[in-house]
Amino acid sequence: MRIRRCAIVYLEPREDAAFDLDSLLNGGAGIRRRLRWLALAPHLAAEIEVDTAQRELLGRIGPGAWTDAAPWLAEQADTLARLLDCGLLLSEDDGDEVRAAHRAGDEALRSGHWWPPAALAHRLGRWQGLDSAAAMDAAEMSTAADLRRQLGAPPPHAIERAPADARLPLPRLDDGEFERLLARRATCRNFDAARALPYELFARMLQRVFAAQAQVRISDDTVFLKKHTPSGGGLHATEAYLIVQNVEGVAPGLYHYHPVEHALEPLPAPAAPLAEFAAQAVAGQHWFADAHALVVLAPRYARSFWKYRQHAKAYRALVLDVGHLSQTAYLSATELGLGAFVTSAINEIDIEQGFGLDPLADGPLAVCGFGWRGERMRTSEFDPAGGVWPRD
């Protein structure tokens, strides 16, 4: 049998602290501390606790060439088996189903050209089944006043890097049409779920935000798209996956948007009812879950990393891409008289399962959405200038 270490693994010494009554009664601090070593590998679903022998063996086997396992089988058979079973070590031709799955995941990661720290942060930062709204309520951190009470004062809202008398005042100009549009742009937390979104408005939103406006065709297999939103390297790697809930002429369900054909591609229904899946996708933020259309922003990482291989800035560029798309959606929706939102507080794992996505191939980074704004503000919105909700 030939083996090698997985492509990316980080070892973290983590200290756990727990209440210790005996320590307290004996005059101590009442805290028991335990140090554990955890292996973090992005091709695996969870962190793995390793002991001293396993940690040392990982350091002796390289991630590149396959090597004969015989020396370690003779001396550390149990340790080797444990590392192979959990996927930190890989076997070249083992027929075991679990070990083969670990090997396939590692090979996919190697071919994806991820920068190792970005792969780790992306894979391990995902949520599943979290109700963030309920968690905020339980922690009494739902309002700005709650945050101030629980966390103290935040850092200053503005910083000063020069004395006041050294500042160069700039003229404040009268607002034009674009400034008035910007003033009406506010995150919508009150959608009118009972009112269907017209088909034309829905199509216009997708055409503005996600559709290819032109192409540059280098060859049949090398094409670059021009869209209304900038993208790192001009690669436009972010795909739009839709949860359509109330749009005229479109059956409620899951879809993928084709940016060249300007068309919806129907996908299988999620296991849960659609409204429940939408709420799960936005981590229980019920003020967003009623949007007429929710859009999962999921980069195809290989599209970006084809050019930026193991690049320290590539993942950051994709995060910026998602932000650019969401702001184009905000401005487009506002101009059309619609409300819009974007959130990164999402249950990525549930979304991946619902749409059949792979976290390191096309895993989501955010969810945006749009639709008719409700006539009443039932959930507070941040609109201090009264651009959306006029003050009495």
Protein backbone atom coordinates (compact mmCIF):
# COMPACT_ATOMS: atom_id res chain seq x y z
CA MET A 1 0.00 0.00 0.00
CA ARG A 2 1.23 3.49 -0.87
CA ILE A 3 0.18 6.54 1.10
CA ARG A 4 0.61 10.30 1.34
CA ARG A 5 -0.64 13.12 3.54
CA CYS A 6 -3.64 15.18 2.47
CA ALA A 7 -2.85 18.31 0.49
CA ILE A 8 -3.81 20.87 3.16
CA VAL A 9 -3.84 20.36 6.91
CA TYR A 10 -3.33 22.77 9.79
CA LEU A 11 -2.72 21.74 13.39
CA GLU A 12 -4.22 23.86 16.15
CA PRO A 13 -3.42 23.54 19.88
CA ARG A 14 -6.77 24.40 21.49
CA GLU A 15 -7.38 24.88 25.19
CA ASP A 16 -10.75 23.93 26.67
CA ALA A 17 -11.85 25.38 30.01
CA ALA A 18 -14.56 23.94 32.28
CA PHE A 19 -15.82 24.50 35.80
CA ASP A 20 -14.00 22.37 38.41
CA LEU A 21 -15.68 22.24 41.82
CA ASP A 22 -12.79 20.37 43.45
CA SER A 23 -10.38 23.08 42.36
CA LEU A 24 -12.63 25.78 43.78
CA LEU A 25 -13.07 23.97 47.12
CA ASN A 26 -9.32 23.53 47.41
CA GLY A 27 -8.63 27.22 46.96
CA GLY A 28 -8.01 27.17 43.21
CA ALA A 29 -9.59 29.16 40.43
CA GLY A 30 -12.36 26.61 39.92
CA ILE A 31 -11.40 26.04 36.30
CA ARG A 32 -10.08 22.87 34.68
CA ARG A 33 -8.05 23.38 31.52
CA ARG A 34 -7.29 20.78 28.87
CA LEU A 35 -5.08 21.18 25.80
CA ARG A 36 -6.06 19.31 22.64
CA TRP A 37 -4.46 19.13 19.19
CA LEU A 38 -6.93 19.47 16.32
CA ALA A 39 -6.22 18.80 12.65
CA LEU A 40 -8.09 21.13 10.29
CA ALA A 41 -8.31 19.99 6.67
CA PRO A 42 -10.64 21.64 4.11
CA HIS A 43 -11.41 18.40 2.26
CA LEU A 44 -13.00 17.04 5.47
CA ALA A 45 -16.34 18.03 6.93
CA ALA A 46 -15.10 18.56 10.49
CA GLU A 47 -11.97 19.04 12.57
CA ILE A 48 -10.19 15.91 13.82
CA GLU A 49 -8.63 15.53 17.25
CA VAL A 50 -5.21 13.86 17.05
CA ASP A 51 -2.93 12.48 19.73
CA THR A 52 0.83 12.87 19.97
CA ALA A 53 1.65 9.80 17.89
CA GLN A 54 -0.79 10.78 15.13
CA ARG A 55 0.49 14.35 15.08
CA GLU A 56 4.09 13.22 14.77
CA LEU A 57 3.32 10.70 12.02
CA LEU A 58 1.53 13.39 10.01
CA GLY A 59 4.74 15.40 10.15
CA ARG A 60 6.80 12.55 8.77
CA ILE A 61 4.70 11.76 5.67
CA GLY A 62 4.66 14.29 2.84
CA PRO A 63 1.67 15.43 0.76
CA GLY A 64 3.37 15.05 -2.63
CA ALA A 65 4.63 11.72 -3.91
CA TRP A 66 2.98 8.45 -2.90
CA THR A 67 5.24 6.48 -0.55
CA ASP A 68 5.35 2.89 0.63
CA ALA A 69 3.45 2.44 3.90
CA ALA A 70 5.45 -0.64 4.98
CA PRO A 71 7.80 1.14 7.45
CA TRP A 72 4.90 2.63 9.37
CA LEU A 73 2.74 -0.50 9.16
CA ALA A 74 5.47 -2.37 10.99
CA GLU A 75 5.90 0.20 13.76
CA GLN A 76 2.68 2.24 14.02
CA ALA A 77 -0.08 0.21 12.40
CA ASP A 78 -2.87 1.47 14.68
CA THR A 79 -1.85 5.11 14.32
CA LEU A 80 -1.61 4.75 10.55
CA ALA A 81 -5.04 3.12 10.34
CA ARG A 82 -6.63 5.87 12.41
CA LEU A 83 -5.19 8.60 10.15
CA LEU A 84 -6.27 6.73 7.02
CA ASP A 85 -9.80 6.24 8.38
CA CYS A 86 -10.26 9.92 9.21
CA GLY A 87 -8.79 11.15 5.91
CA LEU A 88 -5.68 12.95 7.10
CA LEU A 89 -3.59 10.27 5.38
CA LEU A 90 -4.65 8.87 2.02
CA SER A 91 -4.06 5.50 0.39
CA GLU A 92 -3.47 5.31 -3.33
CA ASP A 93 -5.52 2.24 -4.16
CA ASP A 94 -7.45 1.27 -1.02
CA GLY A 95 -10.85 -0.19 -1.89
CA ASP A 96 -12.45 0.95 1.37
CA GLU A 97 -15.42 3.20 0.51
CA VAL A 98 -14.75 5.83 3.20
CA ARG A 99 -11.03 6.04 2.43
CA ALA A 100 -11.78 6.29 -1.29
CA ALA A 101 -14.17 9.19 -0.62
CA HIS A 102 -11.47 10.99 1.38
CA ARG A 103 -9.00 10.47 -1.47
CA ALA A 104 -11.48 11.81 -4.03
CA GLY A 105 -12.16 14.89 -1.92
CA ASP A 106 -8.47 15.59 -1.52
CA GLU A 107 -7.86 15.17 -5.25
CA ALA A 108 -10.67 17.61 -6.04
CA LEU A 109 -9.13 20.12 -3.64
CA ARG A 110 -5.69 19.71 -5.25
CA SER A 111 -7.11 20.34 -8.71
CA GLY A 112 -9.06 23.39 -7.51
CA HIS A 113 -5.94 25.55 -6.99
CA TRP A 114 -7.13 26.96 -3.63
CA TRP A 115 -4.84 29.11 -1.52
CA PRO A 116 -4.65 26.90 1.61
CA PRO A 117 -5.74 29.41 4.30
CA ALA A 118 -8.70 30.52 2.14
CA ALA A 119 -9.82 26.91 1.59
CA LEU A 120 -9.72 26.27 5.31
CA ALA A 121 -11.61 29.42 6.28
CA HIS A 122 -14.24 28.85 3.58
CA ARG A 123 -14.92 25.20 4.45
CA LEU A 124 -14.95 25.53 8.23
CA GLY A 125 -16.84 28.84 8.36
CA ARG A 126 -20.09 27.35 7.04
CA TRP A 127 -23.34 27.07 9.05
CA GLN A 128 -26.03 24.42 9.12
CA GLY A 129 -29.45 24.64 10.74
CA LEU A 130 -28.72 27.87 12.59
CA ASP A 131 -31.55 30.26 13.43
CA SER A 132 -29.57 33.48 13.79
CA ALA A 133 -32.66 35.60 14.52
CA ALA A 134 -33.63 33.38 17.45
CA ALA A 135 -30.03 33.39 18.68
CA MET A 136 -29.94 37.19 18.65
CA ASP A 137 -33.23 37.36 20.53
CA ALA A 138 -32.05 34.85 23.11
CA ALA A 139 -28.85 36.82 23.67
CA GLU A 140 -30.82 40.09 23.84
CA MET A 141 -28.74 41.55 20.99
CA SER A 142 -31.43 42.35 18.42
CA THR A 143 -31.38 46.16 18.61
CA ALA A 144 -28.66 48.80 18.61
CA ALA A 145 -29.54 49.59 22.24
CA ASP A 146 -29.17 45.89 23.09
CA LEU A 147 -25.73 45.80 21.47
CA ARG A 148 -24.60 48.89 23.38
CA ARG A 149 -25.82 47.44 26.67
CA GLN A 150 -24.27 44.01 26.13
CA LEU A 151 -21.00 44.97 24.40
CA GLY A 152 -20.29 48.48 25.57
CA ALA A 153 -19.61 51.35 23.21
CA PRO A 154 -18.34 50.49 19.71
CA PRO A 155 -15.22 52.02 18.19
CA PRO A 156 -15.84 55.66 17.11
CA HIS A 157 -18.20 56.18 14.18
CA ALA A 158 -15.58 58.42 12.51
CA ILE A 159 -11.86 58.83 13.08
CA GLU A 160 -9.76 61.97 12.90
CA ARG A 161 -6.28 61.79 11.37
CA ALA A 162 -5.54 65.51 11.36
CA PRO A 163 -6.40 68.55 13.54
CA ALA A 164 -9.72 70.22 12.77
CA ASP A 165 -8.03 73.40 11.54
CA ALA A 166 -6.02 71.39 8.99
CA ARG A 167 -9.07 69.94 7.24
CA LEU A 168 -9.96 71.06 3.73
CA PRO A 169 -13.76 71.50 3.58
CA LEU A 170 -15.44 70.22 0.42
CA PRO A 171 -18.62 71.74 -1.02
CA ARG A 172 -21.88 69.90 -0.42
CA LEU A 173 -23.67 69.96 -3.78
CA ASP A 174 -27.38 69.76 -4.41
CA ASP A 175 -28.75 66.28 -4.95
CA GLY A 176 -29.44 65.10 -8.46
CA GLU A 177 -31.50 62.17 -9.68
CA PHE A 178 -28.79 59.64 -8.87
CA GLU A 179 -28.31 60.99 -5.35
CA ARG A 180 -32.05 60.70 -4.75
CA LEU A 181 -31.89 57.11 -5.97
CA LEU A 182 -29.08 56.37 -3.53
CA ALA A 183 -31.08 57.94 -0.71
CA ARG A 184 -33.94 55.51 -1.37
CA ARG A 185 -31.61 52.51 -1.24
CA ALA A 186 -32.20 50.73 2.07
CA THR A 187 -32.20 47.10 3.13
CA CYS A 188 -35.78 45.82 2.94
CA ARG A 189 -37.04 43.86 5.93
CA ASN A 190 -40.72 44.15 5.07
CA PHE A 191 -41.79 42.34 1.92
CA ASP A 192 -45.39 42.12 0.73
CA ALA A 193 -45.53 38.35 0.35
CA ALA A 194 -49.18 38.43 -0.74
CA ARG A 195 -48.54 40.52 -3.86
CA ALA A 196 -47.04 38.72 -6.83
CA LEU A 197 -44.02 40.22 -8.56
CA PRO A 198 -44.71 40.88 -12.27
CA TYR A 199 -42.83 38.67 -14.70
CA GLU A 200 -41.34 41.67 -16.53
CA LEU A 201 -39.88 43.20 -13.36
CA PHE A 202 -38.41 39.85 -12.37
CA ALA A 203 -36.82 39.41 -15.81
CA ARG A 204 -35.53 42.99 -15.77
CA MET A 205 -33.80 42.43 -12.43
CA LEU A 206 -32.04 39.30 -13.63
CA GLN A 207 -31.08 40.92 -16.93
CA ARG A 208 -29.56 43.95 -15.22
CA VAL A 209 -27.72 42.15 -12.45
CA PHE A 210 -26.67 38.75 -13.75
CA ALA A 211 -27.02 38.61 -17.55
CA ALA A 212 -24.08 38.70 -19.95
CA GLN A 213 -24.25 41.91 -21.98
CA ALA A 214 -21.49 40.92 -24.43
CA GLN A 215 -18.86 38.23 -24.99
CA VAL A 216 -15.20 38.04 -25.90
CA ARG A 217 -14.60 34.66 -27.56
CA ILE A 218 -10.94 33.70 -27.69
CA SER A 219 -11.77 30.15 -28.82
CA ASP A 220 -14.64 27.71 -28.40
CA ASP A 221 -13.43 26.79 -24.92
CA THR A 222 -12.23 30.24 -23.79
CA VAL A 223 -14.96 32.86 -23.49
CA PHE A 224 -15.13 35.97 -21.32
CA LEU A 225 -18.37 37.77 -20.47
CA LYS A 226 -19.16 41.43 -20.04
CA LYS A 227 -21.73 42.22 -17.34
CA HIS A 228 -23.00 45.38 -15.67
CA THR A 229 -20.94 44.54 -12.55
CA PRO A 230 -17.13 44.34 -12.24
CA SER A 231 -15.44 41.02 -11.53
CA GLY A 232 -11.91 40.01 -10.57
CA GLY A 233 -9.94 39.20 -13.69
CA GLY A 234 -13.08 39.70 -15.80
CA LEU A 235 -13.94 36.07 -15.00
CA HIS A 236 -17.49 36.51 -13.62
CA ALA A 237 -17.28 33.30 -11.63
CA THR A 238 -20.35 33.87 -9.43
CA GLU A 239 -23.46 31.90 -10.32
CA ALA A 240 -27.04 32.85 -9.39
CA TYR A 241 -29.24 30.12 -7.89
CA LEU A 242 -32.81 31.26 -7.24
CA ILE A 243 -35.52 30.46 -4.73
CA VAL A 244 -38.58 31.79 -6.56
CA GLN A 245 -41.58 32.18 -4.25
CA ASN A 246 -44.10 34.59 -5.78
CA VAL A 247 -43.42 35.66 -9.35
CA GLU A 248 -46.11 35.81 -12.03
CA GLY A 249 -45.59 33.16 -14.69
CA VAL A 250 -42.83 31.29 -12.81
CA ALA A 251 -43.68 28.19 -10.80
CA PRO A 252 -42.39 28.43 -7.22
CA GLY A 253 -39.23 26.40 -6.84
CA LEU A 254 -35.46 26.29 -7.26
CA TYR A 255 -33.69 27.50 -10.40
CA HIS A 256 -30.27 28.21 -11.86
CA TYR A 257 -29.92 31.33 -13.97
CA HIS A 258 -28.12 30.99 -17.32
CA PRO A 259 -26.39 34.35 -17.90
CA VAL A 260 -25.80 33.95 -21.64
CA GLU A 261 -29.23 32.62 -22.59
CA HIS A 262 -31.02 34.83 -20.01
CA ALA A 263 -33.05 31.83 -18.94
CA LEU A 264 -34.06 29.90 -15.85
CA GLU A 265 -33.03 26.26 -15.51
CA PRO A 266 -35.45 24.37 -13.20
CA LEU A 267 -33.87 22.28 -10.45
CA PRO A 268 -35.32 19.55 -8.21
CA ALA A 269 -37.44 20.77 -5.30
CA PRO A 270 -35.80 20.89 -1.87
CA ALA A 271 -36.63 18.25 0.73
CA ALA A 272 -38.40 20.83 2.91
CA PRO A 273 -41.35 23.02 1.82
CA LEU A 274 -40.13 25.98 -0.22
CA ALA A 275 -40.94 28.66 2.38
CA GLU A 276 -39.22 26.62 5.07
CA PHE A 277 -36.16 26.15 2.87
CA ALA A 278 -36.02 29.89 2.17
CA ALA A 279 -36.08 30.66 5.90
CA GLN A 280 -33.44 28.02 6.51
CA ALA A 281 -31.24 29.47 3.76
CA VAL A 282 -31.17 32.91 5.43
CA ALA A 283 -30.58 31.38 8.88
CA GLY A 284 -34.01 32.19 10.30
CA GLN A 285 -34.01 35.87 9.29
CA HIS A 286 -37.76 35.86 8.70
CA TRP A 287 -37.72 39.49 7.52
CA PHE A 288 -35.78 38.33 4.43
CA ALA A 289 -37.42 34.93 3.95
CA ASP A 290 -40.61 36.46 2.51
CA ALA A 291 -38.86 38.03 -0.49
CA HIS A 292 -40.47 37.19 -3.81
CA ALA A 293 -37.15 35.91 -5.18
CA LEU A 294 -34.03 35.01 -3.23
CA VAL A 295 -30.73 34.63 -5.08
CA VAL A 296 -27.90 32.47 -3.77
CA LEU A 297 -24.56 33.92 -4.86
CA ALA A 298 -22.25 30.96 -5.34
CA PRO A 299 -18.87 31.38 -7.06
CA ARG A 300 -17.45 28.63 -9.24
CA TYR A 301 -14.04 28.71 -7.59
CA ALA A 302 -12.28 26.85 -10.38
CA ARG A 303 -13.25 29.61 -12.83
CA SER A 304 -11.35 32.18 -10.76
CA PHE A 305 -8.53 29.92 -9.63
CA TRP A 306 -7.85 28.86 -13.24
CA LYS A 307 -6.11 32.23 -13.52
CA TYR A 308 -5.25 32.93 -9.86
CA ARG A 309 -3.77 29.60 -8.78
CA GLN A 310 -3.04 29.28 -5.04
CA HIS A 311 -3.24 33.08 -5.07
CA ALA A 312 -3.47 34.84 -1.71
CA LYS A 313 -5.94 37.42 -3.07
CA ALA A 314 -8.18 35.23 -5.24
CA TYR A 315 -10.74 34.37 -2.57
CA ARG A 316 -10.89 38.01 -1.47
CA ALA A 317 -11.65 39.01 -5.07
CA LEU A 318 -14.58 36.58 -5.14
CA VAL A 319 -15.95 38.04 -1.92
CA LEU A 320 -15.73 41.47 -3.53
CA ASP A 321 -17.49 40.14 -6.64
CA VAL A 322 -20.43 39.00 -4.52
CA GLY A 323 -20.59 42.41 -2.87
CA HIS A 324 -20.55 44.17 -6.24
CA LEU A 325 -23.42 42.00 -7.51
CA SER A 326 -25.51 42.64 -4.42
CA GLN A 327 -25.09 46.40 -4.77
CA THR A 328 -26.09 46.30 -8.44
CA ALA A 329 -29.18 44.40 -7.27
CA TYR A 330 -29.89 47.06 -4.62
CA LEU A 331 -29.69 49.95 -7.07
CA SER A 332 -31.67 48.14 -9.77
CA ALA A 333 -34.43 47.17 -7.34
CA THR A 334 -34.61 50.68 -5.91
CA GLU A 335 -34.92 52.23 -9.37
CA LEU A 336 -37.73 49.77 -10.18
CA GLY A 337 -39.60 50.58 -6.98
CA LEU A 338 -38.70 47.28 -5.28
CA GLY A 339 -37.07 46.39 -2.01
CA ALA A 340 -33.83 44.40 -1.81
CA PHE A 341 -31.49 42.82 0.72
CA VAL A 342 -28.22 40.93 0.99
CA THR A 343 -26.95 38.79 3.87
CA SER A 344 -23.92 36.65 4.57
CA ALA A 345 -25.62 35.15 7.65
CA ILE A 346 -26.69 32.03 5.79
CA ASN A 347 -26.80 28.29 6.35
CA GLU A 348 -24.35 27.32 3.62
CA ILE A 349 -24.57 23.58 4.23
CA ASP A 350 -28.37 23.54 3.96
CA ILE A 351 -28.18 25.60 0.76
CA GLU A 352 -25.55 23.26 -0.70
CA GLN A 353 -27.72 20.26 0.04
CA GLY A 354 -30.82 21.91 -1.43
CA PHE A 355 -29.16 22.97 -4.69
CA GLY A 356 -26.69 20.09 -5.00
CA LEU A 357 -23.59 22.26 -4.59
CA ASP A 358 -20.11 21.31 -3.44
CA PRO A 359 -18.56 23.65 -0.83
CA LEU A 360 -15.14 23.82 -2.50
CA ALA A 361 -16.45 23.82 -6.07
CA ASP A 362 -19.44 26.18 -6.01
CA GLY A 363 -20.30 26.81 -2.38
CA PRO A 364 -22.38 29.94 -1.59
CA LEU A 365 -21.03 33.13 -0.02
CA ALA A 366 -24.22 35.21 0.39
CA VAL A 367 -27.93 35.42 -0.39
CA CYS A 368 -29.63 38.48 -1.84
CA GLY A 369 -33.27 38.99 -2.71
CA PHE A 370 -35.87 41.40 -4.03
CA GLY A 371 -39.59 41.99 -4.27
CA TRP A 372 -42.42 44.36 -3.40
CA ARG A 373 -41.89 46.29 -0.21
CA GLY A 374 -44.78 46.08 2.26
CA GLU A 375 -46.96 49.09 2.98
CA ARG A 376 -46.21 48.97 6.71
CA MET A 377 -42.88 48.68 8.52
CA ARG A 378 -43.47 45.72 10.82
CA THR A 379 -39.74 45.02 11.22
CA SER A 380 -37.42 47.95 11.83
CA GLU A 381 -35.37 49.15 8.86
CA PHE A 382 -32.32 51.42 8.92
CA ASP A 383 -33.64 54.50 7.18
CA PRO A 384 -32.56 57.48 9.32
CA ALA A 385 -32.93 60.02 6.50
CA GLY A 386 -36.51 58.96 5.75
CA GLY A 387 -35.74 58.07 2.15
CA VAL A 388 -38.08 55.06 2.19
CA TRP A 389 -40.31 55.55 5.21
CA PRO A 390 -41.18 59.29 5.50
CA ARG A 391 -41.15 60.64 9.02
CA ASP A 392 -44.37 61.90 10.53
